[in-house]
């Protein structure tokens, strides 16, 4: 499993360095005892994105401050990462894919109470949405959420209990079903239950799900972030996979925050905040968009308009009230997710 994941990841790295030609791999400098060092704790499928962003910021920081900097990365399911920080992982900053996972750090005093107001766009420098990756020529003719409940369709996506990626998928399917059935919660539960029954493997994170679908050949459709869908297609042989963007999907924000409790002790508050600000810069937004994420910088939006298909995006707040309410109703002990799994 580890070998195939590493093989697939290396394809993405090669493709990404080629596509984002302005990212120079040589910007990384060897670690030495005098380097300032920060740890970015991030979600599972963001390895290659931050590997491209980090050297650009390192050069910028060095030229501005005359100080060497090393940025270390840690990647796993977003919820798993939040728990690791609570258990002692010394993160200077987090770049997650789930509001709840930052909020729990805020509730425990690791992150500012006002973290969503500290940066633009609810502290989310970019966004995506759950989309489908199907095999070449789309043999099962999968076009929308309704096709995922068919008995002849097998699905791969991560476990909503451990993956922020998967929670977006679960909530997107649930929101679609509520709309389809006129707000009938029982019908929505039944609909989502059929989707979950068609899942052949629940990996702990998004990259594990990618490995199961691409390398192990499991399933007819992978549900993951649109960015991951496009990065897979670009890394693999042309025509091997197709992107399917449902007519309606859920806005997936990627919240970032300084872990003040750690950064204050390590003396990395200034560099940590500078890194988070950098993510909103035009240069960073260009890199982020090159990895098929949707961004907020007006000039980059205009330049990448043809890259992203139109889709009606709904929000967690519109359908479920808030992330806190969604957590309590769906992902907490005895919540709807547990009921659907049991049934």
Foldseek 3Di string as FASTA:
>chain_A
DVVLLVVLVVLLLVLLCVLPVVQDLVLDDDDDPQAAEAEEEEEAPCVNLVSRVVSVLQVVCCVVPVGGYYYHYHYYALQVSLVVVVVPDQHQKYWYQAPVSVVVLCVVPQFPPCFLVVDPPRQFQFWWWKWKKFFFPLVQPDAALVSLLDPVFAEFDADPLQHPQVVQVLVFQLLVQCVVVVNPNVRSLVSSLSNVVRYPDHHNHGSVSVSCCPVVVDTRMYIGTPLVSVSSCSSDDPRGMDIHGHQETAITTTHMGGRCVNCVVSVCPVVSVVSSVVCNDPVNVLSVVSSVTGGDDVVSCVVCVVVDDDHHYDYCCVRQNDPVSCCVQAVDVVHSVVVSVVD
